[in-house]
Protein backbone atom coordinates (compact mmCIF):
# COMPACT_ATOMS: atom_id res chain seq x y z
CA UNK A 1 46.43 -18.38 -28.88
CA UNK A 2 43.14 -17.86 -27.05
CA UNK A 3 41.94 -20.94 -25.17
CA UNK A 4 39.05 -21.61 -22.78
CA UNK A 5 40.93 -20.06 -19.86
CA UNK A 6 41.58 -16.89 -21.87
CA UNK A 7 37.89 -16.66 -22.77
CA UNK A 8 36.85 -17.13 -19.14
CA UNK A 9 39.36 -14.59 -17.82
CA UNK A 10 38.42 -12.01 -20.48
CA UNK A 11 34.75 -12.42 -19.64
CA UNK A 12 35.59 -11.90 -15.96
CA UNK A 13 37.62 -8.79 -16.80
CA UNK A 14 34.82 -7.37 -18.92
CA UNK A 15 32.15 -8.00 -16.30
CA UNK A 16 34.07 -6.97 -13.21
CA UNK A 17 37.57 -5.80 -14.02
CA UNK A 18 38.36 -4.46 -10.54
CA UNK A 19 37.71 -7.72 -8.69
CA UNK A 20 39.81 -10.49 -10.10
CA UNK A 21 39.77 -14.10 -9.05
CA UNK A 22 42.90 -16.08 -8.24
CA UNK A 23 42.57 -17.80 -11.61
CA UNK A 24 42.49 -14.44 -13.43
CA UNK A 25 45.50 -13.06 -11.52
CA UNK A 26 47.48 -16.24 -12.18
CA UNK A 27 46.51 -16.33 -15.84
CA UNK A 28 47.34 -12.63 -16.38
CA UNK A 29 50.83 -13.21 -15.03
CA UNK A 30 51.50 -15.80 -17.73
CA UNK A 31 49.39 -14.64 -20.74
CA UNK A 32 50.61 -11.51 -22.50
CA UNK A 33 47.53 -11.29 -24.77
CA UNK A 34 45.09 -11.27 -21.83
CA UNK A 35 47.32 -8.86 -19.91
CA UNK A 36 47.09 -6.45 -22.86
CA UNK A 37 43.32 -6.88 -22.94
CA UNK A 38 43.22 -6.11 -19.21
CA UNK A 39 45.21 -2.90 -19.72
CA UNK A 40 42.88 -1.80 -22.55
CA UNK A 41 39.77 -2.50 -20.47
CA UNK A 42 41.20 -0.61 -17.48
CA UNK A 43 41.96 2.38 -19.72
CA UNK A 44 38.45 2.30 -21.17
CA UNK A 45 36.85 2.13 -17.72
CA UNK A 46 39.00 5.05 -16.55
CA UNK A 47 38.00 7.09 -19.62
CA UNK A 48 34.30 6.36 -19.08
CA UNK A 49 34.55 7.21 -15.39
CA UNK A 50 36.26 10.52 -16.17
CA UNK A 51 33.61 11.52 -18.72
CA UNK A 52 30.81 10.55 -16.35
CA UNK A 53 31.77 13.41 -14.04
CA UNK A 54 31.40 16.17 -16.64
CA UNK A 55 29.20 19.13 -15.71
CA UNK A 56 26.65 20.53 -18.18
CA UNK A 57 27.63 23.70 -19.96
CA UNK A 58 26.72 26.97 -18.20
CA UNK A 59 24.30 28.03 -20.95
CA UNK A 60 22.30 24.80 -20.97
CA UNK A 61 19.69 26.08 -18.51
CA UNK A 62 19.15 29.26 -20.55
CA UNK A 63 18.87 27.30 -23.81
CA UNK A 64 16.32 24.89 -22.30
CA UNK A 65 14.19 27.73 -20.95
CA UNK A 66 14.30 29.46 -24.33
CA UNK A 67 13.28 26.25 -26.09
CA UNK A 68 10.36 25.79 -23.70
CA UNK A 69 9.26 29.40 -24.28
CA UNK A 70 9.46 28.96 -28.06
CA UNK A 71 7.33 25.81 -28.11
CA UNK A 72 4.54 27.61 -26.26
CA UNK A 73 2.04 26.24 -23.79
CA UNK A 74 0.67 22.74 -24.17
CA UNK A 75 -2.97 22.75 -25.22
CA UNK A 76 -5.19 20.62 -22.99
CA UNK A 77 -6.95 17.68 -24.59
CA UNK A 78 -10.26 18.65 -23.05
CA UNK A 79 -11.26 22.29 -22.69
CA UNK A 80 -12.60 23.31 -19.25
CA UNK A 81 -16.03 24.41 -20.54
CA UNK A 82 -16.53 21.16 -22.44
CA UNK A 83 -15.34 19.14 -19.44
CA UNK A 84 -17.78 20.97 -17.16
CA UNK A 85 -20.64 20.36 -19.61
CA UNK A 86 -19.82 16.65 -19.78
CA UNK A 87 -19.65 16.44 -15.98
CA UNK A 88 -23.05 18.15 -15.57
CA UNK A 89 -24.63 15.96 -18.25
CA UNK A 90 -23.30 12.79 -16.66
CA UNK A 91 -24.49 13.95 -13.23
CA UNK A 92 -28.00 14.61 -14.56
CA UNK A 93 -28.03 11.24 -16.34
CA UNK A 94 -26.85 9.48 -13.17
CA UNK A 95 -29.48 11.14 -10.97
CA UNK A 96 -32.21 10.49 -13.56
CA UNK A 97 -31.25 6.86 -14.01
CA UNK A 98 -31.04 6.27 -10.28
CA UNK A 99 -34.38 8.01 -9.69
CA UNK A 100 -36.10 5.87 -12.35
CA UNK A 101 -34.50 2.74 -10.91
CA UNK A 102 -35.54 3.56 -7.35
CA UNK A 103 -39.06 4.48 -8.46
CA UNK A 104 -39.39 1.21 -10.36
CA UNK A 105 -38.06 -0.69 -7.34
CA UNK A 106 -40.91 0.51 -5.13
CA UNK A 107 -40.03 3.97 -3.87
CA UNK A 108 -42.39 6.11 -6.03
CA UNK A 109 -42.68 9.07 -3.65
CA UNK A 110 -39.07 9.37 -2.59
CA UNK A 111 -37.20 8.01 -5.64
CA UNK A 112 -35.82 11.36 -6.77
CA UNK A 113 -34.79 12.39 -3.24
CA UNK A 114 -33.05 9.06 -2.64
CA UNK A 115 -31.30 9.32 -6.01
CA UNK A 116 -30.02 12.82 -5.24
CA UNK A 117 -28.90 11.69 -1.78
CA UNK A 118 -27.07 8.64 -3.18
CA UNK A 119 -25.34 10.61 -5.93
CA UNK A 120 -24.43 13.39 -3.49
CA UNK A 121 -22.88 10.87 -1.13
CA UNK A 122 -20.96 9.36 -4.03
CA UNK A 123 -19.69 12.78 -5.13
CA UNK A 124 -18.69 13.70 -1.58
CA UNK A 125 -16.69 10.49 -1.18
CA UNK A 126 -15.12 10.92 -4.62
CA UNK A 127 -14.13 14.50 -3.81
CA UNK A 128 -12.64 13.46 -0.49
CA UNK A 129 -10.62 10.77 -2.23
CA UNK A 130 -9.35 12.92 -5.11
CA UNK A 131 -8.77 16.23 -3.34
CA UNK A 132 -5.29 15.25 -2.09
CA UNK A 133 -4.32 14.23 -5.64
CA UNK A 134 -5.56 17.54 -7.07
CA UNK A 135 -3.70 19.52 -4.41
CA UNK A 136 -0.54 17.54 -5.11
CA UNK A 137 -0.87 18.23 -8.84
CA UNK A 138 -1.36 21.96 -8.19
CA UNK A 139 1.73 22.10 -5.99
CA UNK A 140 3.73 20.14 -8.58
CA UNK A 141 2.59 22.54 -11.32
CA UNK A 142 4.01 25.48 -9.35
CA UNK A 143 7.41 23.79 -9.28
CA UNK A 144 7.59 23.26 -13.04
CA UNK A 145 9.97 25.27 -15.20
CA UNK A 146 8.87 28.90 -15.39
CA UNK A 147 10.02 31.21 -18.21
């Protein structure tokens, strides 16, 4: 018959079978049902530990490479020419908007020059900030699976 002690000991065995409290050791010496449960759990843990050390089959690498080759290259979401066009258009819009804003704010003679200077400074800082990320991505791309 399973009582509260049996339930507590079985929970302890299931959660941490290797470390047993004094209560669990004492109970296992007197309860045949829990002792059997302990033996079954130990066998299951040993089986799982043995299977966890299996090595992949020798042909797995070849099969994965073949599968990658068969699926073909991944198409980019944004084509380079379209991305360049969008970048140029946004740059022109940014310079134009800044020039109009600076001219309206009281710099009629130098509004365009100040706008180009401000946007150029922004682009320089952005490039300096993102260049390490781009270089990292390029180096990571070289280490990807090659056919």
